[in-house]
Each structure stands twice: as C-alpha cells, then as structure tokens.
Amino acid sequence: MLPARIDPKPALYERLADATIMKKDGKSLEVKMWIPVSGPGVFSVEGKYYRGGDSSKTLKAILDAHQRSAKGHKGEGI
C-alpha cells in the first residue's frame, strides 16, 4: 500500500476489504481497501482516501489470508 499519496478527488470505488489495526497505544484504526478501475491501489483511513502501492499484491495478500482463515474454520459455515 506504500508509497501512497492523498487522493483529492476520490471516485466511487468498490469496497474490497476492511481491516482493523491495533496500534501500540491499544487504540484501533479502521482501514478500508477499495478496488480502483485503474492505477495504483486505493485505501481510506479516517475519511481520507489514499492511492499507492500495487493493487494486485494487496489483493493477493487479502485472498491468501482469507484462504488460511477458511482452512482453520472448516465446517463452521464461514
């Protein structure tokens, strides 16, 4: 997702995933990842949209994590 820059005119993106990051101070940070039509990846934090990184690598990491999670929950109807 890095390097990234603020996207001053975000488009209507399709949401890919949400993530909650636990910070060292114990507070959580909500990050939303979006699917861009083209160009670098899109994510938002606290209402600000950013573009950067390689969307294909981000998508692969999310799908890999989902697959590992599903293997750990077989038979639980996720």
PDB file of N, CA and C in Angstrom:
ATOM      1  N   MET A   1       0.816  -1.192   0.000  1.00  0.00           N
ATOM      2  CA  MET A   1       0.000   0.000   0.000  1.00  0.00           C
ATOM      3  C   MET A   1       0.863   1.260   0.000  1.00  0.00           C
ATOM      4  N   LEU A   2       2.161   1.084   0.114  1.00  0.00           N
ATOM      5  CA  LEU A   2       3.043   2.252   0.115  1.00  0.00           C
ATOM      6  C   LEU A   2       3.984   2.178  -1.074  1.00  0.00           C
ATOM      7  N   PRO A   3       4.487   3.262  -1.557  1.00  0.00           N
ATOM      8  CA  PRO A   3       4.222   4.639  -1.137  1.00  0.00           C
ATOM      9  C   PRO A   3       2.808   5.066  -1.553  1.00  0.00           C
ATOM     10  N   ALA A   4       2.244   5.982  -0.825  1.00  0.00           N
ATOM     11  CA  ALA A   4       0.877   6.441  -1.088  1.00  0.00           C
ATOM     12  C   ALA A   4       0.809   7.954  -1.022  1.00  0.00           C
ATOM     13  N   ARG A   5      -0.205   8.488  -1.711  1.00  0.00           N
ATOM     14  CA  ARG A   5      -0.454   9.929  -1.668  1.00  0.00           C
ATOM     15  C   ARG A   5      -1.953  10.132  -1.474  1.00  0.00           C
ATOM     16  N   ILE A   6      -2.331  11.269  -0.924  1.00  0.00           N
ATOM     17  CA  ILE A   6      -3.750  11.571  -0.734  1.00  0.00           C
ATOM     18  C   ILE A   6      -4.409  11.729  -2.094  1.00  0.00           C
ATOM     19  N   ASP A   7      -5.594  11.143  -2.245  1.00  0.00           N
ATOM     20  CA  ASP A   7      -6.390  11.261  -3.462  1.00  0.00           C
ATOM     21  C   ASP A   7      -7.395  12.386  -3.233  1.00  0.00           C
ATOM     22  N   PRO A   8      -7.154  13.579  -3.807  1.00  0.00           N
ATOM     23  CA  PRO A   8      -8.023  14.723  -3.526  1.00  0.00           C
ATOM     24  C   PRO A   8      -9.414  14.609  -4.149  1.00  0.00           C
ATOM     25  N   LYS A   9      -9.571  13.756  -5.156  1.00  0.00           N
ATOM     26  CA  LYS A   9     -10.866  13.596  -5.822  1.00  0.00           C
ATOM     27  C   LYS A   9     -11.199  12.105  -5.942  1.00  0.00           C
ATOM     28  N   PRO A  10     -11.520  11.445  -4.809  1.00  0.00           N
ATOM     29  CA  PRO A  10     -11.791  10.009  -4.875  1.00  0.00           C
ATOM     30  C   PRO A  10     -13.033   9.709  -5.708  1.00  0.00           C
ATOM     31  N   ALA A  11     -12.970   8.614  -6.439  1.00  0.00           N
ATOM     32  CA  ALA A  11     -14.085   8.161  -7.267  1.00  0.00           C
ATOM     33  C   ALA A  11     -14.985   7.247  -6.440  1.00  0.00           C
ATOM     34  N   LEU A  12     -16.035   6.765  -7.054  1.00  0.00           N
ATOM     35  CA  LEU A  12     -16.892   5.783  -6.398  1.00  0.00           C
ATOM     36  C   LEU A  12     -16.255   4.415  -6.602  1.00  0.00           C
ATOM     37  N   TYR A  13     -15.485   3.982  -5.605  1.00  0.00           N
ATOM     38  CA  TYR A  13     -14.784   2.713  -5.688  1.00  0.00           C
ATOM     39  C   TYR A  13     -15.637   1.608  -5.098  1.00  0.00           C
ATOM     40  N   GLU A  14     -15.357   0.370  -5.504  1.00  0.00           N
ATOM     41  CA  GLU A  14     -15.997  -0.803  -4.916  1.00  0.00           C
ATOM     42  C   GLU A  14     -15.139  -1.276  -3.750  1.00  0.00           C
ATOM     43  N   ARG A  15     -15.780  -1.524  -2.594  1.00  0.00           N
ATOM     44  CA  ARG A  15     -15.021  -1.924  -1.413  1.00  0.00           C
ATOM     45  C   ARG A  15     -14.518  -3.345  -1.555  1.00  0.00           C
ATOM     46  N   LEU A  16     -13.256  -3.528  -1.231  1.00  0.00           N
ATOM     47  CA  LEU A  16     -12.603  -4.840  -1.289  1.00  0.00           C
ATOM     48  C   LEU A  16     -12.570  -5.487   0.085  1.00  0.00           C
ATOM     49  N   ALA A  17     -12.133  -4.731   1.092  1.00  0.00           N
ATOM     50  CA  ALA A  17     -11.974  -5.315   2.424  1.00  0.00           C
ATOM     51  C   ALA A  17     -11.862  -4.210   3.464  1.00  0.00           C
ATOM     52  N   ASP A  18     -12.133  -4.571   4.684  1.00  0.00           N
ATOM     53  CA  ASP A  18     -11.929  -3.685   5.833  1.00  0.00           C
ATOM     54  C   ASP A  18     -10.921  -4.363   6.754  1.00  0.00           C
ATOM     55  N   ALA A  19     -10.099  -3.558   7.386  1.00  0.00           N
ATOM     56  CA  ALA A  19      -9.125  -4.105   8.323  1.00  0.00           C
ATOM     57  C   ALA A  19      -9.106  -3.240   9.574  1.00  0.00           C
ATOM     58  N   THR A  20      -8.940  -3.873  10.713  1.00  0.00           N
ATOM     59  CA  THR A  20      -8.773  -3.160  11.970  1.00  0.00           C
ATOM     60  C   THR A  20      -7.345  -3.394  12.426  1.00  0.00           C
ATOM     61  N   ILE A  21      -6.619  -2.309  12.593  1.00  0.00           N
ATOM     62  CA  ILE A  21      -5.228  -2.384  13.030  1.00  0.00           C
ATOM     63  C   ILE A  21      -5.159  -1.943  14.482  1.00  0.00           C
ATOM     64  N   MET A  22      -4.587  -2.771  15.324  1.00  0.00           N
ATOM     65  CA  MET A  22      -4.406  -2.408  16.727  1.00  0.00           C
ATOM     66  C   MET A  22      -3.067  -1.696  16.867  1.00  0.00           C
ATOM     67  N   LYS A  23      -3.112  -0.457  17.326  1.00  0.00           N
ATOM     68  CA  LYS A  23      -1.899   0.338  17.466  1.00  0.00           C
ATOM     69  C   LYS A  23      -1.213   0.038  18.796  1.00  0.00           C
ATOM     70  N   LYS A  24       0.033   0.455  18.912  1.00  0.00           N
ATOM     71  CA  LYS A  24       0.809   0.203  20.131  1.00  0.00           C
ATOM     72  C   LYS A  24       0.162   0.807  21.359  1.00  0.00           C
ATOM     73  N   ASP A  25      -0.587   1.912  21.170  1.00  0.00           N
ATOM     74  CA  ASP A  25      -1.236   2.563  22.314  1.00  0.00           C
ATOM     75  C   ASP A  25      -2.544   1.882  22.722  1.00  0.00           C
ATOM     76  N   GLY A  26      -2.892   0.750  22.039  1.00  0.00           N
ATOM     77  CA  GLY A  26      -4.091  -0.002  22.372  1.00  0.00           C
ATOM     78  C   GLY A  26      -5.335   0.452  21.625  1.00  0.00           C
ATOM     79  N   LYS A  27      -5.252   1.565  20.915  1.00  0.00           N
ATOM     80  CA  LYS A  27      -6.396   2.050  20.142  1.00  0.00           C
ATOM     81  C   LYS A  27      -6.416   1.356  18.791  1.00  0.00           C
ATOM     82  N   SER A  28      -7.614   1.279  18.202  1.00  0.00           N
ATOM     83  CA  SER A  28      -7.733   0.631  16.898  1.00  0.00           C
ATOM     84  C   SER A  28      -7.841   1.680  15.794  1.00  0.00           C
ATOM     85  N   LEU A  29      -7.452   1.270  14.601  1.00  0.00           N
ATOM     86  CA  LEU A  29      -7.500   2.126  13.430  1.00  0.00           C
ATOM     87  C   LEU A  29      -8.203   1.335  12.334  1.00  0.00           C
ATOM     88  N   GLU A  30      -9.288   1.890  11.788  1.00  0.00           N
ATOM     89  CA  GLU A  30     -10.047   1.226  10.737  1.00  0.00           C
ATOM     90  C   GLU A  30      -9.494   1.648   9.373  1.00  0.00           C
ATOM     91  N   VAL A  31      -9.171   0.657   8.547  1.00  0.00           N
ATOM     92  CA  VAL A  31      -8.671   0.901   7.198  1.00  0.00           C
ATOM     93  C   VAL A  31      -9.603   0.181   6.234  1.00  0.00           C
ATOM     94  N   LYS A  32     -10.049   0.900   5.212  1.00  0.00           N
ATOM     95  CA  LYS A  32     -10.898   0.308   4.181  1.00  0.00           C
ATOM     96  C   LYS A  32     -10.091   0.260   2.891  1.00  0.00           C
ATOM     97  N   MET A  33     -10.146  -0.889   2.207  1.00  0.00           N
ATOM     98  CA  MET A  33      -9.439  -1.043   0.949  1.00  0.00           C
ATOM     99  C   MET A  33     -10.464  -1.100  -0.169  1.00  0.00           C
ATOM    100  N   TRP A  34     -10.156  -0.437  -1.274  1.00  0.00           N
ATOM    101  CA  TRP A  34     -11.087  -0.279  -2.381  1.00  0.00           C
ATOM    102  C   TRP A  34     -10.484  -0.820  -3.666  1.00  0.00           C
ATOM    103  N   ILE A  35     -11.326  -1.163  -4.628  1.00  0.00           N
ATOM    104  CA  ILE A  35     -10.873  -1.655  -5.921  1.00  0.00           C
ATOM    105  C   ILE A  35     -10.918  -0.497  -6.916  1.00  0.00           C
ATOM    106  N   PRO A  36      -9.761  -0.048  -7.399  1.00  0.00           N
ATOM    107  CA  PRO A  36      -9.752   1.021  -8.394  1.00  0.00           C
ATOM    108  C   PRO A  36     -10.013   0.459  -9.796  1.00  0.00           C
ATOM    109  N   VAL A  37     -10.556   1.290 -10.670  1.00  0.00           N
ATOM    110  CA  VAL A  37     -10.751   0.876 -12.056  1.00  0.00           C
ATOM    111  C   VAL A  37      -9.390   0.699 -12.719  1.00  0.00           C
ATOM    112  N   SER A  38      -8.474   1.598 -12.415  1.00  0.00           N
ATOM    113  CA  SER A  38      -7.129   1.507 -12.950  1.00  0.00           C
ATOM    114  C   SER A  38      -6.173   2.239 -12.023  1.00  0.00           C
ATOM    115  N   GLY A  39      -4.906   2.065 -12.271  1.00  0.00           N
ATOM    116  CA  GLY A  39      -3.902   2.779 -11.497  1.00  0.00           C
ATOM    117  C   GLY A  39      -3.588   2.104 -10.177  1.00  0.00           C
ATOM    118  N   PRO A  40      -2.898   2.838  -9.306  1.00  0.00           N
ATOM    119  CA  PRO A  40      -2.478   2.264  -8.029  1.00  0.00           C
ATOM    120  C   PRO A  40      -3.651   1.979  -7.098  1.00  0.00           C
ATOM    121  N   GLY A  41      -3.367   1.193  -6.063  1.00  0.00           N
ATOM    122  CA  GLY A  41      -4.382   0.812  -5.092  1.00  0.00           C
ATOM    123  C   GLY A  41      -5.002   2.003  -4.380  1.00  0.00           C
ATOM    124  N   VAL A  42      -6.147   1.758  -3.756  1.00  0.00           N
ATOM    125  CA  VAL A  42      -6.867   2.800  -3.018  1.00  0.00           C
ATOM    126  C   VAL A  42      -7.211   2.271  -1.637  1.00  0.00           C
ATOM    127  N   PHE A  43      -6.955   3.084  -0.612  1.00  0.00           N
ATOM    128  CA  PHE A  43      -7.406   2.753   0.730  1.00  0.00           C
ATOM    129  C   PHE A  43      -7.801   4.039   1.430  1.00  0.00           C
ATOM    130  N   SER A  44      -8.618   3.906   2.465  1.00  0.00           N
ATOM    131  CA  SER A  44      -9.038   5.091   3.208  1.00  0.00           C
ATOM    132  C   SER A  44      -8.852   4.854   4.700  1.00  0.00           C
ATOM    133  N   VAL A  45      -8.479   5.924   5.373  1.00  0.00           N
ATOM    134  CA  VAL A  45      -8.289   5.929   6.814  1.00  0.00           C
ATOM    135  C   VAL A  45      -8.907   7.208   7.332  1.00  0.00           C
ATOM    136  N   GLU A  46      -9.845   7.065   8.268  1.00  0.00           N
ATOM    137  CA  GLU A  46     -10.494   8.218   8.889  1.00  0.00           C
ATOM    138  C   GLU A  46     -11.030   9.211   7.861  1.00  0.00           C
ATOM    139  N   GLY A  47     -11.667   8.683   6.801  1.00  0.00           N
ATOM    140  CA  GLY A  47     -12.318   9.528   5.812  1.00  0.00           C
ATOM    141  C   GLY A  47     -11.416  10.130   4.748  1.00  0.00           C
ATOM    142  N   LYS A  48     -10.117   9.892   4.832  1.00  0.00           N
ATOM    143  CA  LYS A  48      -9.194  10.371   3.802  1.00  0.00           C
ATOM    144  C   LYS A  48      -8.825   9.206   2.901  1.00  0.00           C
ATOM    145  N   TYR A  49      -8.840   9.452   1.599  1.00  0.00           N
ATOM    146  CA  TYR A  49      -8.518   8.421   0.615  1.00  0.00           C
ATOM    147  C   TYR A  49      -7.082   8.584   0.142  1.00  0.00           C
ATOM    148  N   TYR A  50      -6.420   7.453  -0.036  1.00  0.00           N
ATOM    149  CA  TYR A  50      -5.025   7.437  -0.473  1.00  0.00           C
ATOM    150  C   TYR A  50      -4.896   6.506  -1.666  1.00  0.00           C
ATOM    151  N   ARG A  51      -3.980   6.836  -2.579  1.00  0.00           N
ATOM    152  CA  ARG A  51      -3.659   5.973  -3.709  1.00  0.00           C
ATOM    153  C   ARG A  51      -2.190   5.630  -3.635  1.00  0.00           C
ATOM    154  N   GLY A  52      -1.887   4.383  -3.889  1.00  0.00           N
ATOM    155  CA  GLY A  52      -0.492   3.976  -3.868  1.00  0.00           C
ATOM    156  C   GLY A  52      -0.347   2.480  -3.834  1.00  0.00           C
ATOM    157  N   GLY A  53       0.856   2.040  -4.040  1.00  0.00           N
ATOM    158  CA  GLY A  53       1.141   0.614  -3.964  1.00  0.00           C
ATOM    159  C   GLY A  53       0.664  -0.147  -5.177  1.00  0.00           C
ATOM    160  N   ASP A  54       0.690  -1.453  -5.070  1.00  0.00           N
ATOM    161  CA  ASP A  54       0.340  -2.359  -6.147  1.00  0.00           C
ATOM    162  C   ASP A  54      -0.928  -3.107  -5.746  1.00  0.00           C
ATOM    163  N   SER A  55      -2.043  -2.799  -6.386  1.00  0.00           N
ATOM    164  CA  SER A  55      -3.322  -3.420  -6.033  1.00  0.00           C
ATOM    165  C   SER A  55      -3.287  -4.936  -6.146  1.00  0.00           C
ATOM    166  N   SER A  56      -2.560  -5.469  -7.128  1.00  0.00           N
ATOM    167  CA  SER A  56      -2.534  -6.924  -7.301  1.00  0.00           C
ATOM    168  C   SER A  56      -1.866  -7.599  -6.103  1.00  0.00           C
ATOM    169  N   LYS A  57      -0.818  -6.992  -5.552  1.00  0.00           N
ATOM    170  CA  LYS A  57      -0.153  -7.564  -4.376  1.00  0.00           C
ATOM    171  C   LYS A  57      -1.063  -7.474  -3.144  1.00  0.00           C
ATOM    172  N   THR A  58      -1.774  -6.361  -2.999  1.00  0.00           N
ATOM    173  CA  THR A  58      -2.696  -6.206  -1.867  1.00  0.00           C
ATOM    174  C   THR A  58      -3.816  -7.233  -1.958  1.00  0.00           C
ATOM    175  N   LEU A  59      -4.410  -7.378  -3.140  1.00  0.00           N
ATOM    176  CA  LEU A  59      -5.486  -8.343  -3.326  1.00  0.00           C
ATOM    177  C   LEU A  59      -5.001  -9.760  -3.039  1.00  0.00           C
ATOM    178  N   LYS A  60      -3.820 -10.124  -3.529  1.00  0.00           N
ATOM    179  CA  LYS A  60      -3.280 -11.459  -3.280  1.00  0.00           C
ATOM    180  C   LYS A  60      -3.084 -11.694  -1.785  1.00  0.00           C
ATOM    181  N   ALA A  61      -2.574 -10.709  -1.064  1.00  0.00           N
ATOM    182  CA  ALA A  61      -2.365 -10.865   0.377  1.00  0.00           C
ATOM    183  C   ALA A  61      -3.693 -11.070   1.105  1.00  0.00           C
ATOM    184  N   ILE A  62      -4.723 -10.346   0.708  1.00  0.00           N
ATOM    185  CA  ILE A  62      -6.047 -10.491   1.338  1.00  0.00           C
ATOM    186  C   ILE A  62      -6.631 -11.868   1.034  1.00  0.00           C
ATOM    187  N   LEU A  63      -6.552 -12.290  -0.221  1.00  0.00           N
ATOM    188  CA  LEU A  63      -7.091 -13.604  -0.591  1.00  0.00           C
ATOM    189  C   LEU A  63      -6.329 -14.739   0.084  1.00  0.00           C
ATOM    190  N   ASP A  64      -5.012 -14.611   0.190  1.00  0.00           N
ATOM    191  CA  ASP A  64      -4.217 -15.623   0.888  1.00  0.00           C
ATOM    192  C   ASP A  64      -4.609 -15.703   2.366  1.00  0.00           C
ATOM    193  N   ALA A  65      -4.778 -14.558   2.998  1.00  0.00           N
ATOM    194  CA  ALA A  65      -5.172 -14.536   4.417  1.00  0.00           C
ATOM    195  C   ALA A  65      -6.559 -15.147   4.590  1.00  0.00           C
ATOM    196  N   HIS A  66      -7.469 -14.849   3.674  1.00  0.00           N
ATOM    197  CA  HIS A  66      -8.817 -15.419   3.754  1.00  0.00           C
ATOM    198  C   HIS A  66      -8.766 -16.935   3.607  1.00  0.00           C
ATOM    199  N   GLN A  67      -7.960 -17.410   2.657  1.00  0.00           N
ATOM    200  CA  GLN A  67      -7.841 -18.854   2.451  1.00  0.00           C
ATOM    201  C   GLN A  67      -7.274 -19.547   3.691  1.00  0.00           C
ATOM    202  N   ARG A  68      -6.243 -18.968   4.298  1.00  0.00           N
ATOM    203  CA  ARG A  68      -5.668 -19.552   5.518  1.00  0.00           C
ATOM    204  C   ARG A  68      -6.704 -19.555   6.641  1.00  0.00           C
ATOM    205  N   SER A  69      -7.487 -18.492   6.735  1.00  0.00           N
ATOM    206  CA  SER A  69      -8.516 -18.405   7.770  1.00  0.00           C
ATOM    207  C   SER A  69      -9.594 -19.466   7.545  1.00  0.00           C
ATOM    208  N   ALA A  70     -10.006 -19.647   6.298  1.00  0.00           N
ATOM    209  CA  ALA A  70     -11.045 -20.632   5.978  1.00  0.00           C
ATOM    210  C   ALA A  70     -10.581 -22.043   6.308  1.00  0.00           C
ATOM    211  N   LYS A  71      -9.308 -22.346   6.068  1.00  0.00           N
ATOM    212  CA  LYS A  71      -8.774 -23.674   6.388  1.00  0.00           C
ATOM    213  C   LYS A  71      -8.837 -23.936   7.890  1.00  0.00           C
ATOM    214  N   GLY A  72      -8.681 -22.888   8.686  1.00  0.00           N
ATOM    215  CA  GLY A  72      -8.723 -23.037  10.131  1.00  0.00           C
ATOM    216  C   GLY A  72     -10.121 -23.140  10.689  1.00  0.00           C
ATOM    217  N   HIS A  73     -11.147 -22.877   9.839  1.00  0.00           N
ATOM    218  CA  HIS A  73     -12.539 -22.878  10.296  1.00  0.00           C
ATOM    219  C   HIS A  73     -13.399 -23.854   9.492  1.00  0.00           C
ATOM    220  N   LYS A  74     -12.831 -24.945   9.006  1.00  0.00           N
ATOM    221  CA  LYS A  74     -13.596 -25.898   8.216  1.00  0.00           C
ATOM    222  C   LYS A  74     -14.794 -26.394   8.997  1.00  0.00           C
ATOM    223  N   GLY A  75     -15.937 -26.431   8.309  1.00  0.00           N
ATOM    224  CA  GLY A  75     -17.146 -26.960   8.913  1.00  0.00           C
ATOM    225  C   GLY A  75     -17.874 -25.950   9.799  1.00  0.00           C
ATOM    226  N   GLU A  76     -17.395 -24.726   9.868  1.00  0.00           N
ATOM    227  CA  GLU A  76     -18.071 -23.737  10.715  1.00  0.00           C
ATOM    228  C   GLU A  76     -18.963 -22.798   9.919  1.00  0.00           C
ATOM    229  N   GLY A  77     -19.089 -23.025   8.603  1.00  0.00           N
ATOM    230  CA  GLY A  77     -20.024 -22.250   7.791  1.00  0.00           C
ATOM    231  C   GLY A  77     -19.643 -20.800   7.583  1.00  0.00           C
ATOM    232  N   ILE A  78     -18.356 -20.523   7.400  1.00  0.00           N
ATOM    233  CA  ILE A  78     -17.964 -19.139   7.175  1.00  0.00           C
ATOM    234  C   ILE A  78     -18.143 -18.757   5.729  1.00  0.00           C
TER     235      ILE A  78
END
